[in-house]
Amino acid sequence: MRLVNRDDVQAKYHFPSQLLSDYESWRVKQFAGQLTPATYTLADIEALRLMIRLQQIGFSSNEIEDFLALNLRKQGPPVKLIAMLTQHRQERLAAIHQYERQIAGIDYLRFQLTESH
């Protein structure tokens, strides 16, 4: 297990400073200070990549922490992780469908205006 420092990780992987700080805070909480926060392993790099993916799909900081904690345990099938992802997917689909209804309403009003003039 090769350890690298924060500066090396930031230079090589271009992770934002805030992401590294958030991860270090989470890791200290998870491991009760057993690890040096400023050193990273390959597993840490993978966790940071996962954090970025979760941010991109709209997870909040608390949800990311919960997801990482569940993912860290890896006990049995990832039922809770899949449930979290499924919930986010359903929320996004609901938002898309709401926008589709709004667009249909806009199109109808445009049609009415062009027909009446």
PDB file of N, CA and C in Angstrom:
ATOM      1  N   MET A   1       0.841  -1.165   0.000  1.00  0.00           N
ATOM      2  CA  MET A   1       0.000   0.000   0.000  1.00  0.00           C
ATOM      3  C   MET A   1       0.895   1.239   0.000  1.00  0.00           C
ATOM      4  N   ARG A   2       0.991   1.879  -1.151  1.00  0.00           N
ATOM      5  CA  ARG A   2       1.836   3.065  -1.296  1.00  0.00           C
ATOM      6  C   ARG A   2       1.050   4.305  -0.886  1.00  0.00           C
ATOM      7  N   LEU A   3       1.639   5.108  -0.037  1.00  0.00           N
ATOM      8  CA  LEU A   3       1.017   6.348   0.410  1.00  0.00           C
ATOM      9  C   LEU A   3       1.599   7.526  -0.359  1.00  0.00           C
ATOM     10  N   VAL A   4       0.728   8.432  -0.772  1.00  0.00           N
ATOM     11  CA  VAL A   4       1.179   9.664  -1.418  1.00  0.00           C
ATOM     12  C   VAL A   4       0.558  10.841  -0.680  1.00  0.00           C
ATOM     13  N   ASN A   5       1.206  11.996  -0.759  1.00  0.00           N
ATOM     14  CA  ASN A   5       0.688  13.154  -0.031  1.00  0.00           C
ATOM     15  C   ASN A   5      -0.334  13.928  -0.855  1.00  0.00           C
ATOM     16  N   ARG A   6      -0.966  14.868  -0.195  1.00  0.00           N
ATOM     17  CA  ARG A   6      -2.052  15.646  -0.798  1.00  0.00           C
ATOM     18  C   ARG A   6      -1.585  16.408  -2.041  1.00  0.00           C
ATOM     19  N   ASP A   7      -0.410  17.025  -1.977  1.00  0.00           N
ATOM     20  CA  ASP A   7       0.083  17.790  -3.118  1.00  0.00           C
ATOM     21  C   ASP A   7       0.289  16.907  -4.346  1.00  0.00           C
ATOM     22  N   ASP A   8       0.839  15.704  -4.132  1.00  0.00           N
ATOM     23  CA  ASP A   8       1.043  14.780  -5.250  1.00  0.00           C
ATOM     24  C   ASP A   8      -0.285  14.349  -5.860  1.00  0.00           C
ATOM     25  N   VAL A   9      -1.256  14.073  -5.006  1.00  0.00           N
ATOM     26  CA  VAL A   9      -2.584  13.657  -5.478  1.00  0.00           C
ATOM     27  C   VAL A   9      -3.224  14.784  -6.283  1.00  0.00           C
ATOM     28  N   GLN A  10      -3.118  15.991  -5.768  1.00  0.00           N
ATOM     29  CA  GLN A  10      -3.724  17.129  -6.458  1.00  0.00           C
ATOM     30  C   GLN A  10      -3.045  17.389  -7.802  1.00  0.00           C
ATOM     31  N   ALA A  11      -1.732  17.263  -7.837  1.00  0.00           N
ATOM     32  CA  ALA A  11      -0.996  17.495  -9.080  1.00  0.00           C
ATOM     33  C   ALA A  11      -1.302  16.431 -10.128  1.00  0.00           C
ATOM     34  N   LYS A  12      -1.356  15.182  -9.694  1.00  0.00           N
ATOM     35  CA  LYS A  12      -1.546  14.091 -10.650  1.00  0.00           C
ATOM     36  C   LYS A  12      -2.992  13.939 -11.113  1.00  0.00           C
ATOM     37  N   TYR A  13      -3.945  14.067 -10.183  1.00  0.00           N
ATOM     38  CA  TYR A  13      -5.348  13.779 -10.507  1.00  0.00           C
ATOM     39  C   TYR A  13      -6.211  15.031 -10.666  1.00  0.00           C
ATOM     40  N   HIS A  14      -5.680  16.190 -10.324  1.00  0.00           N
ATOM     41  CA  HIS A  14      -6.394  17.466 -10.472  1.00  0.00           C
ATOM     42  C   HIS A  14      -7.708  17.500  -9.690  1.00  0.00           C
ATOM     43  N   PHE A  15      -7.712  16.888  -8.503  1.00  0.00           N
ATOM     44  CA  PHE A  15      -8.886  16.957  -7.646  1.00  0.00           C
ATOM     45  C   PHE A  15      -8.950  18.351  -7.022  1.00  0.00           C
ATOM     46  N   PRO A  16     -10.146  18.928  -6.933  1.00  0.00           N
ATOM     47  CA  PRO A  16     -10.272  20.237  -6.273  1.00  0.00           C
ATOM     48  C   PRO A  16      -9.890  20.149  -4.787  1.00  0.00           C
ATOM     49  N   SER A  17      -9.341  21.220  -4.265  1.00  0.00           N
ATOM     50  CA  SER A  17      -8.941  21.266  -2.855  1.00  0.00           C
ATOM     51  C   SER A  17     -10.113  20.975  -1.924  1.00  0.00           C
ATOM     52  N   GLN A  18     -11.284  21.523  -2.264  1.00  0.00           N
ATOM     53  CA  GLN A  18     -12.457  21.310  -1.411  1.00  0.00           C
ATOM     54  C   GLN A  18     -12.829  19.836  -1.353  1.00  0.00           C
ATOM     55  N   LEU A  19     -12.722  19.145  -2.468  1.00  0.00           N
ATOM     56  CA  LEU A  19     -13.019  17.710  -2.488  1.00  0.00           C
ATOM     57  C   LEU A  19     -12.060  16.963  -1.563  1.00  0.00           C
ATOM     58  N   LEU A  20     -10.781  17.286  -1.645  1.00  0.00           N
ATOM     59  CA  LEU A  20      -9.798  16.636  -0.781  1.00  0.00           C
ATOM     60  C   LEU A  20     -10.073  16.937   0.688  1.00  0.00           C
ATOM     61  N   SER A  21     -10.433  18.166   0.989  1.00  0.00           N
ATOM     62  CA  SER A  21     -10.750  18.533   2.374  1.00  0.00           C
ATOM     63  C   SER A  21     -11.981  17.783   2.869  1.00  0.00           C
ATOM     64  N   ASP A  22     -13.014  17.720   2.024  1.00  0.00           N
ATOM     65  CA  ASP A  22     -14.227  16.989   2.402  1.00  0.00           C
ATOM     66  C   ASP A  22     -13.914  15.515   2.647  1.00  0.00           C
ATOM     67  N   TYR A  23     -13.110  14.938   1.771  1.00  0.00           N
ATOM     68  CA  TYR A  23     -12.763  13.526   1.912  1.00  0.00           C
ATOM     69  C   TYR A  23     -11.950  13.291   3.183  1.00  0.00           C
ATOM     70  N   GLU A  24     -11.001  14.170   3.450  1.00  0.00           N
ATOM     71  CA  GLU A  24     -10.179  14.021   4.652  1.00  0.00           C
ATOM     72  C   GLU A  24     -11.041  14.101   5.910  1.00  0.00           C
ATOM     73  N   SER A  25     -11.995  15.025   5.928  1.00  0.00           N
ATOM     74  CA  SER A  25     -12.903  15.140   7.077  1.00  0.00           C
ATOM     75  C   SER A  25     -13.717  13.871   7.250  1.00  0.00           C
ATOM     76  N   TRP A  26     -14.268  13.360   6.141  1.00  0.00           N
ATOM     77  CA  TRP A  26     -15.058  12.129   6.196  1.00  0.00           C
ATOM     78  C   TRP A  26     -14.203  10.970   6.695  1.00  0.00           C
ATOM     79  N   ARG A  27     -13.002  10.864   6.162  1.00  0.00           N
ATOM     80  CA  ARG A  27     -12.123   9.744   6.511  1.00  0.00           C
ATOM     81  C   ARG A  27     -11.721   9.782   7.985  1.00  0.00           C
ATOM     82  N   VAL A  28     -11.460  10.964   8.511  1.00  0.00           N
ATOM     83  CA  VAL A  28     -11.117  11.087   9.932  1.00  0.00           C
ATOM     84  C   VAL A  28     -12.295  10.622  10.788  1.00  0.00           C
ATOM     85  N   LYS A  29     -13.527  11.005  10.375  1.00  0.00           N
ATOM     86  CA  LYS A  29     -14.716  10.565  11.119  1.00  0.00           C
ATOM     87  C   LYS A  29     -14.869   9.045  11.050  1.00  0.00           C
ATOM     88  N   GLN A  30     -14.677   8.484   9.867  1.00  0.00           N
ATOM     89  CA  GLN A  30     -14.867   7.046   9.678  1.00  0.00           C
ATOM     90  C   GLN A  30     -13.861   6.214  10.453  1.00  0.00           C
ATOM     91  N   PHE A  31     -12.639   6.661  10.468  1.00  0.00           N
ATOM     92  CA  PHE A  31     -11.564   5.868  11.070  1.00  0.00           C
ATOM     93  C   PHE A  31     -11.109   6.422  12.407  1.00  0.00           C
ATOM     94  N   ALA A  32     -11.897   7.318  12.977  1.00  0.00           N
ATOM     95  CA  ALA A  32     -11.629   7.894  14.297  1.00  0.00           C
ATOM     96  C   ALA A  32     -10.174   8.356  14.442  1.00  0.00           C
ATOM     97  N   GLY A  33      -9.664   8.995  13.394  1.00  0.00           N
ATOM     98  CA  GLY A  33      -8.319   9.556  13.455  1.00  0.00           C
ATOM     99  C   GLY A  33      -7.194   8.547  13.360  1.00  0.00           C
ATOM    100  N   GLN A  34      -7.479   7.313  12.975  1.00  0.00           N
ATOM    101  CA  GLN A  34      -6.449   6.275  12.892  1.00  0.00           C
ATOM    102  C   GLN A  34      -5.493   6.502  11.721  1.00  0.00           C
ATOM    103  N   LEU A  35      -5.921   7.235  10.720  1.00  0.00           N
ATOM    104  CA  LEU A  35      -5.097   7.471   9.532  1.00  0.00           C
ATOM    105  C   LEU A  35      -4.629   8.909   9.497  1.00  0.00           C
ATOM    106  N   THR A  36      -3.508   9.131   8.888  1.00  0.00           N
ATOM    107  CA  THR A  36      -3.029  10.489   8.685  1.00  0.00           C
ATOM    108  C   THR A  36      -3.842  11.098   7.551  1.00  0.00           C
ATOM    109  N   PRO A  37      -4.555  12.188   7.806  1.00  0.00           N
ATOM    110  CA  PRO A  37      -5.445  12.736   6.786  1.00  0.00           C
ATOM    111  C   PRO A  37      -4.749  13.165   5.497  1.00  0.00           C
ATOM    112  N   ALA A  38      -3.490  13.521   5.541  1.00  0.00           N
ATOM    113  CA  ALA A  38      -2.826  14.076   4.360  1.00  0.00           C
ATOM    114  C   ALA A  38      -2.136  13.027   3.497  1.00  0.00           C
ATOM    115  N   THR A  39      -2.356  11.755   3.761  1.00  0.00           N
ATOM    116  CA  THR A  39      -1.781  10.708   2.907  1.00  0.00           C
ATOM    117  C   THR A  39      -2.898   9.913   2.257  1.00  0.00           C
ATOM    118  N   TYR A  40      -2.633   9.459   1.035  1.00  0.00           N
ATOM    119  CA  TYR A  40      -3.659   8.798   0.236  1.00  0.00           C
ATOM    120  C   TYR A  40      -3.127   7.486  -0.328  1.00  0.00           C
ATOM    121  N   THR A  41      -4.016   6.496  -0.368  1.00  0.00           N
ATOM    122  CA  THR A  41      -3.707   5.211  -0.996  1.00  0.00           C
ATOM    123  C   THR A  41      -4.485   5.128  -2.303  1.00  0.00           C
ATOM    124  N   LEU A  42      -4.299   4.051  -3.039  1.00  0.00           N
ATOM    125  CA  LEU A  42      -5.060   3.839  -4.268  1.00  0.00           C
ATOM    126  C   LEU A  42      -6.556   3.747  -3.961  1.00  0.00           C
ATOM    127  N   ALA A  43      -6.913   3.129  -2.832  1.00  0.00           N
ATOM    128  CA  ALA A  43      -8.320   3.052  -2.429  1.00  0.00           C
ATOM    129  C   ALA A  43      -8.898   4.453  -2.188  1.00  0.00           C
ATOM    130  N   ASP A  44      -8.087   5.339  -1.643  1.00  0.00           N
ATOM    131  CA  ASP A  44      -8.533   6.717  -1.436  1.00  0.00           C
ATOM    132  C   ASP A  44      -8.790   7.419  -2.768  1.00  0.00           C
ATOM    133  N   ILE A  45      -7.909   7.187  -3.723  1.00  0.00           N
ATOM    134  CA  ILE A  45      -8.079   7.796  -5.055  1.00  0.00           C
ATOM    135  C   ILE A  45      -9.387   7.320  -5.673  1.00  0.00           C
ATOM    136  N   GLU A  46      -9.679   6.031  -5.552  1.00  0.00           N
ATOM    137  CA  GLU A  46     -10.942   5.493  -6.088  1.00  0.00           C
ATOM    138  C   GLU A  46     -12.133   6.107  -5.376  1.00  0.00           C
ATOM    139  N   ALA A  47     -12.027   6.299  -4.068  1.00  0.00           N
ATOM    140  CA  ALA A  47     -13.117   6.922  -3.313  1.00  0.00           C
ATOM    141  C   ALA A  47     -13.311   8.371  -3.757  1.00  0.00           C
ATOM    142  N   LEU A  48     -12.222   9.074  -4.021  1.00  0.00           N
ATOM    143  CA  LEU A  48     -12.321  10.453  -4.501  1.00  0.00           C
ATOM    144  C   LEU A  48     -12.984  10.509  -5.876  1.00  0.00           C
ATOM    145  N   ARG A  49     -12.653   9.589  -6.728  1.00  0.00           N
ATOM    146  CA  ARG A  49     -13.298   9.521  -8.055  1.00  0.00           C
ATOM    147  C   ARG A  49     -14.796   9.260  -7.905  1.00  0.00           C
ATOM    148  N   LEU A  50     -15.136   8.374  -6.975  1.00  0.00           N
ATOM    149  CA  LEU A  50     -16.542   8.084  -6.715  1.00  0.00           C
ATOM    150  C   LEU A  50     -17.252   9.334  -6.193  1.00  0.00           C
ATOM    151  N   MET A  51     -16.596  10.078  -5.305  1.00  0.00           N
ATOM    152  CA  MET A  51     -17.191  11.314  -4.794  1.00  0.00           C
ATOM    153  C   MET A  51     -17.507  12.283  -5.922  1.00  0.00           C
ATOM    154  N   ILE A  52     -16.604  12.408  -6.865  1.00  0.00           N
ATOM    155  CA  ILE A  52     -16.831  13.303  -8.002  1.00  0.00           C
ATOM    156  C   ILE A  52     -18.037  12.835  -8.812  1.00  0.00           C
ATOM    157  N   ARG A  53     -18.107  11.532  -9.076  1.00  0.00           N
ATOM    158  CA  ARG A  53     -19.257  11.007  -9.828  1.00  0.00           C
ATOM    159  C   ARG A  53     -20.561  11.280  -9.085  1.00  0.00           C
ATOM    160  N   LEU A  54     -20.559  11.080  -7.775  1.00  0.00           N
ATOM    161  CA  LEU A  54     -21.768  11.310  -6.985  1.00  0.00           C
ATOM    162  C   LEU A  54     -22.152  12.793  -6.988  1.00  0.00           C
ATOM    163  N   GLN A  55     -21.171  13.675  -6.913  1.00  0.00           N
ATOM    164  CA  GLN A  55     -21.457  15.109  -6.999  1.00  0.00           C
ATOM    165  C   GLN A  55     -22.083  15.444  -8.348  1.00  0.00           C
ATOM    166  N   GLN A  56     -21.530  14.874  -9.409  1.00  0.00           N
ATOM    167  CA  GLN A  56     -22.012  15.168 -10.757  1.00  0.00           C
ATOM    168  C   GLN A  56     -23.454  14.729 -10.966  1.00  0.00           C
ATOM    169  N   ILE A  57     -23.870  13.686 -10.265  1.00  0.00           N
ATOM    170  CA  ILE A  57     -25.246  13.220 -10.442  1.00  0.00           C
ATOM    171  C   ILE A  57     -26.200  13.811  -9.404  1.00  0.00           C
ATOM    172  N   GLY A  58     -25.693  14.750  -8.604  1.00  0.00           N
ATOM    173  CA  GLY A  58     -26.577  15.508  -7.738  1.00  0.00           C
ATOM    174  C   GLY A  58     -26.677  15.080  -6.292  1.00  0.00           C
ATOM    175  N   PHE A  59     -25.778  14.241  -5.826  1.00  0.00           N
ATOM    176  CA  PHE A  59     -25.804  13.851  -4.419  1.00  0.00           C
ATOM    177  C   PHE A  59     -25.356  15.021  -3.552  1.00  0.00           C
ATOM    178  N   SER A  60     -25.985  15.178  -2.391  1.00  0.00           N
ATOM    179  CA  SER A  60     -25.562  16.193  -1.427  1.00  0.00           C
ATOM    180  C   SER A  60     -24.325  15.681  -0.680  1.00  0.00           C
ATOM    181  N   SER A  61     -23.689  16.550   0.072  1.00  0.00           N
ATOM    182  CA  SER A  61     -22.507  16.149   0.852  1.00  0.00           C
ATOM    183  C   SER A  61     -22.841  15.035   1.833  1.00  0.00           C
ATOM    184  N   ASN A  62     -23.988  15.154   2.501  1.00  0.00           N
ATOM    185  CA  ASN A  62     -24.392  14.113   3.453  1.00  0.00           C
ATOM    186  C   ASN A  62     -24.668  12.782   2.756  1.00  0.00           C
ATOM    187  N   GLU A  63     -25.305  12.851   1.601  1.00  0.00           N
ATOM    188  CA  GLU A  63     -25.583  11.624   0.845  1.00  0.00           C
ATOM    189  C   GLU A  63     -24.286  10.977   0.379  1.00  0.00           C
ATOM    190  N   ILE A  64     -23.322  11.791  -0.012  1.00  0.00           N
ATOM    191  CA  ILE A  64     -22.026  11.255  -0.436  1.00  0.00           C
ATOM    192  C   ILE A  64     -21.352  10.552   0.733  1.00  0.00           C
ATOM    193  N   GLU A  65     -21.384  11.173   1.902  1.00  0.00           N
ATOM    194  CA  GLU A  65     -20.788  10.549   3.084  1.00  0.00           C
ATOM    195  C   GLU A  65     -21.469   9.214   3.394  1.00  0.00           C
ATOM    196  N   ASP A  66     -22.799   9.198   3.332  1.00  0.00           N
ATOM    197  CA  ASP A  66     -23.532   7.949   3.585  1.00  0.00           C
ATOM    198  C   ASP A  66     -23.174   6.876   2.562  1.00  0.00           C
ATOM    199  N   PHE A  67     -23.104   7.281   1.295  1.00  0.00           N
ATOM    200  CA  PHE A  67     -22.785   6.344   0.219  1.00  0.00           C
ATOM    201  C   PHE A  67     -21.385   5.768   0.420  1.00  0.00           C
ATOM    202  N   LEU A  68     -20.423   6.644   0.719  1.00  0.00           N
ATOM    203  CA  LEU A  68     -19.050   6.173   0.938  1.00  0.00           C
ATOM    204  C   LEU A  68     -18.966   5.218   2.122  1.00  0.00           C
ATOM    205  N   ALA A  69     -19.676   5.547   3.202  1.00  0.00           N
ATOM    206  CA  ALA A  69     -19.653   4.686   4.390  1.00  0.00           C
ATOM    207  C   ALA A  69     -20.230   3.315   4.071  1.00  0.00           C
ATOM    208  N   LEU A  70     -21.353   3.282   3.351  1.00  0.00           N
ATOM    209  CA  LEU A  70     -21.949   2.001   2.969  1.00  0.00           C
ATOM    210  C   LEU A  70     -21.038   1.235   2.010  1.00  0.00           C
ATOM    211  N   ASN A  71     -20.455   1.953   1.077  1.00  0.00           N
ATOM    212  CA  ASN A  71     -19.568   1.321   0.098  1.00  0.00           C
ATOM    213  C   ASN A  71     -18.320   0.750   0.767  1.00  0.00           C
ATOM    214  N   LEU A  72     -17.860   1.407   1.801  1.00  0.00           N
ATOM    215  CA  LEU A  72     -16.669   0.967   2.525  1.00  0.00           C
ATOM    216  C   LEU A  72     -16.899  -0.380   3.206  1.00  0.00           C
ATOM    217  N   ARG A  73     -18.098  -0.585   3.705  1.00  0.00           N
ATOM    218  CA  ARG A  73     -18.409  -1.825   4.436  1.00  0.00           C
ATOM    219  C   ARG A  73     -18.411  -3.053   3.534  1.00  0.00           C
ATOM    220  N   LYS A  74     -18.960  -2.918   2.341  1.00  0.00           N
ATOM    221  CA  LYS A  74     -19.012  -4.007   1.346  1.00  0.00           C
ATOM    222  C   LYS A  74     -19.434  -5.343   1.964  1.00  0.00           C
ATOM    223  N   GLN A  75     -20.522  -5.301   2.719  1.00  0.00           N
ATOM    224  CA  GLN A  75     -21.044  -6.517   3.322  1.00  0.00           C
ATOM    225  C   GLN A  75     -22.230  -7.004   2.491  1.00  0.00           C
ATOM    226  N   GLY A  76     -22.029  -8.086   1.771  1.00  0.00           N
ATOM    227  CA  GLY A  76     -23.105  -8.645   0.963  1.00  0.00           C
ATOM    228  C   GLY A  76     -23.401  -7.794  -0.252  1.00  0.00           C
ATOM    229  N   PRO A  77     -24.566  -8.047  -0.879  1.00  0.00           N
ATOM    230  CA  PRO A  77     -24.931  -7.286  -2.076  1.00  0.00           C
ATOM    231  C   PRO A  77     -25.172  -5.820  -1.739  1.00  0.00           C
ATOM    232  N   PRO A  78     -24.886  -4.939  -2.683  1.00  0.00           N
ATOM    233  CA  PRO A  78     -24.983  -3.494  -2.426  1.00  0.00           C
ATOM    234  C   PRO A  78     -26.422  -2.969  -2.511  1.00  0.00           C
ATOM    235  N   VAL A  79     -27.339  -3.585  -1.798  1.00  0.00           N
ATOM    236  CA  VAL A  79     -28.763  -3.249  -1.886  1.00  0.00           C
ATOM    237  C   VAL A  79     -29.020  -1.783  -1.534  1.00  0.00           C
ATOM    238  N   LYS A  80     -28.439  -1.296  -0.450  1.00  0.00           N
ATOM    239  CA  LYS A  80     -28.678   0.087  -0.021  1.00  0.00           C
ATOM    240  C   LYS A  80     -28.072   1.090  -1.004  1.00  0.00           C
ATOM    241  N   LEU A  81     -26.912   0.733  -1.566  1.00  0.00           N
ATOM    242  CA  LEU A  81     -26.284   1.630  -2.550  1.00  0.00           C
ATOM    243  C   LEU A  81     -27.153   1.735  -3.798  1.00  0.00           C
ATOM    244  N   ILE A  82     -27.646   0.597  -4.245  1.00  0.00           N
ATOM    245  CA  ILE A  82     -28.508   0.583  -5.429  1.00  0.00           C
ATOM    246  C   ILE A  82     -29.796   1.350  -5.144  1.00  0.00           C
ATOM    247  N   ALA A  83     -30.322   1.215  -3.921  1.00  0.00           N
ATOM    248  CA  ALA A  83     -31.536   1.941  -3.550  1.00  0.00           C
ATOM    249  C   ALA A  83     -31.300   3.449  -3.584  1.00  0.00           C
ATOM    250  N   MET A  84     -30.142   3.893  -3.106  1.00  0.00           N
ATOM    251  CA  MET A  84     -29.831   5.323  -3.149  1.00  0.00           C
ATOM    252  C   MET A  84     -29.752   5.827  -4.585  1.00  0.00           C
ATOM    253  N   LEU A  85     -29.090   5.058  -5.439  1.00  0.00           N
ATOM    254  CA  LEU A  85     -28.974   5.456  -6.848  1.00  0.00           C
ATOM    255  C   LEU A  85     -30.334   5.440  -7.540  1.00  0.00           C
ATOM    256  N   THR A  86     -31.147   4.446  -7.222  1.00  0.00           N
ATOM    257  CA  THR A  86     -32.476   4.339  -7.809  1.00  0.00           C
ATOM    258  C   THR A  86     -33.341   5.535  -7.414  1.00  0.00           C
ATOM    259  N   GLN A  87     -33.258   5.930  -6.154  1.00  0.00           N
ATOM    260  CA  GLN A  87     -34.028   7.092  -5.698  1.00  0.00           C
ATOM    261  C   GLN A  87     -33.620   8.342  -6.473  1.00  0.00           C
ATOM    262  N   HIS A  88     -32.323   8.551  -6.651  1.00  0.00           N
ATOM    263  CA  HIS A  88     -31.860   9.725  -7.413  1.00  0.00           C
ATOM    264  C   HIS A  88     -32.327   9.648  -8.861  1.00  0.00           C
ATOM    265  N   ARG A  89     -32.308   8.467  -9.414  1.00  0.00           N
ATOM    266  CA  ARG A  89     -32.757   8.295 -10.795  1.00  0.00           C
ATOM    267  C   ARG A  89     -34.239   8.651 -10.917  1.00  0.00           C
ATOM    268  N   GLN A  90     -35.041   8.159  -9.980  1.00  0.00           N
ATOM    269  CA  GLN A  90     -36.480   8.447 -10.008  1.00  0.00           C
ATOM    270  C   GLN A  90     -36.752   9.936  -9.834  1.00  0.00           C
ATOM    271  N   GLU A  91     -35.995  10.592  -8.965  1.00  0.00           N
ATOM    272  CA  GLU A  91     -36.159  12.035  -8.775  1.00  0.00           C
ATOM    273  C   GLU A  91     -35.831  12.790 -10.063  1.00  0.00           C
ATOM    274  N   ARG A  92     -34.765  12.383 -10.741  1.00  0.00           N
ATOM    275  CA  ARG A  92     -34.379  13.053 -11.990  1.00  0.00           C
ATOM    276  C   ARG A  92     -35.432  12.823 -13.074  1.00  0.00           C
ATOM    277  N   LEU A  93     -35.956  11.599 -13.148  1.00  0.00           N
ATOM    278  CA  LEU A  93     -36.997  11.316 -14.137  1.00  0.00           C
ATOM    279  C   LEU A  93     -38.256  12.130 -13.856  1.00  0.00           C
ATOM    280  N   ALA A  94     -38.617  12.253 -12.591  1.00  0.00           N
ATOM    281  CA  ALA A  94     -39.796  13.055 -12.236  1.00  0.00           C
ATOM    282  C   ALA A  94     -39.595  14.506 -12.665  1.00  0.00           C
ATOM    283  N   ALA A  95     -38.386  15.028 -12.459  1.00  0.00           N
ATOM    284  CA  ALA A  95     -38.092  16.403 -12.868  1.00  0.00           C
ATOM    285  C   ALA A  95     -38.173  16.539 -14.391  1.00  0.00           C
ATOM    286  N   ILE A  96     -37.633  15.570 -15.095  1.00  0.00           N
ATOM    287  CA  ILE A  96     -37.694  15.591 -16.567  1.00  0.00           C
ATOM    288  C   ILE A  96     -39.137  15.581 -17.045  1.00  0.00           C
ATOM    289  N   HIS A  97     -39.957  14.722 -16.445  1.00  0.00           N
ATOM    290  CA  HIS A  97     -41.363  14.647 -16.848  1.00  0.00           C
ATOM    291  C   HIS A  97     -42.093  15.960 -16.552  1.00  0.00           C
ATOM    292  N   GLN A  98     -41.764  16.604 -15.434  1.00  0.00           N
ATOM    293  CA  GLN A  98     -42.357  17.899 -15.118  1.00  0.00           C
ATOM    294  C   GLN A  98     -41.963  18.928 -16.180  1.00  0.00           C
ATOM    295  N   TYR A  99     -40.699  18.936 -16.582  1.00  0.00           N
ATOM    296  CA  TYR A  99     -40.255  19.858 -17.634  1.00  0.00           C
ATOM    297  C   TYR A  99     -40.954  19.545 -18.962  1.00  0.00           C
ATOM    298  N   GLU A 100     -41.145  18.275 -19.260  1.00  0.00           N
ATOM    299  CA  GLU A 100     -41.842  17.913 -20.498  1.00  0.00           C
ATOM    300  C   GLU A 100     -43.271  18.461 -20.500  1.00  0.00           C
ATOM    301  N   ARG A 101     -43.953  18.370 -19.350  1.00  0.00           N
ATOM    302  CA  ARG A 101     -45.311  18.913 -19.254  1.00  0.00           C
ATOM    303  C   ARG A 101     -45.296  20.434 -19.431  1.00  0.00           C
ATOM    304  N   GLN A 102     -44.309  21.089 -18.855  1.00  0.00           N
ATOM    305  CA  GLN A 102     -44.197  22.537 -19.000  1.00  0.00           C
ATOM    306  C   GLN A 102     -43.937  22.927 -20.451  1.00  0.00           C
ATOM    307  N   ILE A 103     -43.062  22.186 -21.113  1.00  0.00           N
ATOM    308  CA  ILE A 103     -42.761  22.464 -22.521  1.00  0.00           C
ATOM    309  C   ILE A 103     -44.000  22.258 -23.378  1.00  0.00           C
ATOM    310  N   ALA A 104     -44.767  21.196 -23.092  1.00  0.00           N
ATOM    311  CA  ALA A 104     -46.008  20.959 -23.839  1.00  0.00           C
ATOM    312  C   ALA A 104     -46.972  22.123 -23.639  1.00  0.00           C
ATOM    313  N   GLY A 105     -47.042  22.653 -22.416  1.00  0.00           N
ATOM    314  CA  GLY A 105     -47.906  23.806 -22.158  1.00  0.00           C
ATOM    315  C   GLY A 105     -47.439  25.041 -22.907  1.00  0.00           C
ATOM    316  N   ILE A 106     -46.143  25.253 -22.936  1.00  0.00           N
ATOM    317  CA  ILE A 106     -45.573  26.383 -23.688  1.00  0.00           C
ATOM    318  C   ILE A 106     -45.894  26.236 -25.167  1.00  0.00           C
ATOM    319  N   ASP A 107     -45.686  25.043 -25.709  1.00  0.00           N
ATOM    320  CA  ASP A 107     -45.962  24.802 -27.124  1.00  0.00           C
ATOM    321  C   ASP A 107     -47.432  25.036 -27.455  1.00  0.00           C
ATOM    322  N   TYR A 108     -48.316  24.611 -26.546  1.00  0.00           N
ATOM    323  CA  TYR A 108     -49.743  24.803 -26.784  1.00  0.00           C
ATOM    324  C   TYR A 108     -50.103  26.291 -26.799  1.00  0.00           C
ATOM    325  N   LEU A 109     -49.556  27.050 -25.843  1.00  0.00           N
ATOM    326  CA  LEU A 109     -49.825  28.483 -25.821  1.00  0.00           C
ATOM    327  C   LEU A 109     -49.274  29.173 -27.061  1.00  0.00           C
ATOM    328  N   ARG A 110     -48.104  28.777 -27.504  1.00  0.00           N
ATOM    329  CA  ARG A 110     -47.527  29.342 -28.739  1.00  0.00           C
ATOM    330  C   ARG A 110     -48.439  29.030 -29.921  1.00  0.00           C
ATOM    331  N   PHE A 111     -48.946  27.814 -29.970  1.00  0.00           N
ATOM    332  CA  PHE A 111     -49.841  27.402 -31.058  1.00  0.00           C
ATOM    333  C   PHE A 111     -51.099  28.262 -31.032  1.00  0.00           C
ATOM    334  N   GLN A 112     -51.686  28.429 -29.838  1.00  0.00           N
ATOM    335  CA  GLN A 112     -52.891  29.227 -29.719  1.00  0.00           C
ATOM    336  C   GLN A 112     -52.664  30.672 -30.177  1.00  0.00           C
ATOM    337  N   LEU A 113     -51.516  31.221 -29.803  1.00  0.00           N
ATOM    338  CA  LEU A 113     -51.211  32.602 -30.189  1.00  0.00           C
ATOM    339  C   LEU A 113     -51.009  32.728 -31.691  1.00  0.00           C
ATOM    340  N   THR A 114     -50.360  31.781 -32.314  1.00  0.00           N
ATOM    341  CA  THR A 114     -50.137  31.863 -33.756  1.00  0.00           C
ATOM    342  C   THR A 114     -51.430  31.618 -34.530  1.00  0.00           C
ATOM    343  N   GLU A 115     -52.313  30.802 -34.001  1.00  0.00           N
ATOM    344  CA  GLU A 115     -53.584  30.523 -34.670  1.00  0.00           C
ATOM    345  C   GLU A 115     -54.547  31.698 -34.568  1.00  0.00           C
ATOM    346  N   SER A 116     -54.455  32.441 -33.477  1.00  0.00           N
ATOM    347  CA  SER A 116     -55.409  33.540 -33.274  1.00  0.00           C
ATOM    348  C   SER A 116     -54.960  34.828 -33.971  1.00  0.00           C
ATOM    349  N   HIS A 117     -53.770  34.834 -34.527  1.00  0.00           N
ATOM    350  CA  HIS A 117     -53.297  36.051 -35.204  1.00  0.00           C
ATOM    351  C   HIS A 117     -53.064  35.802 -36.644  1.00  0.00           C
TER     352      HIS A 117
END
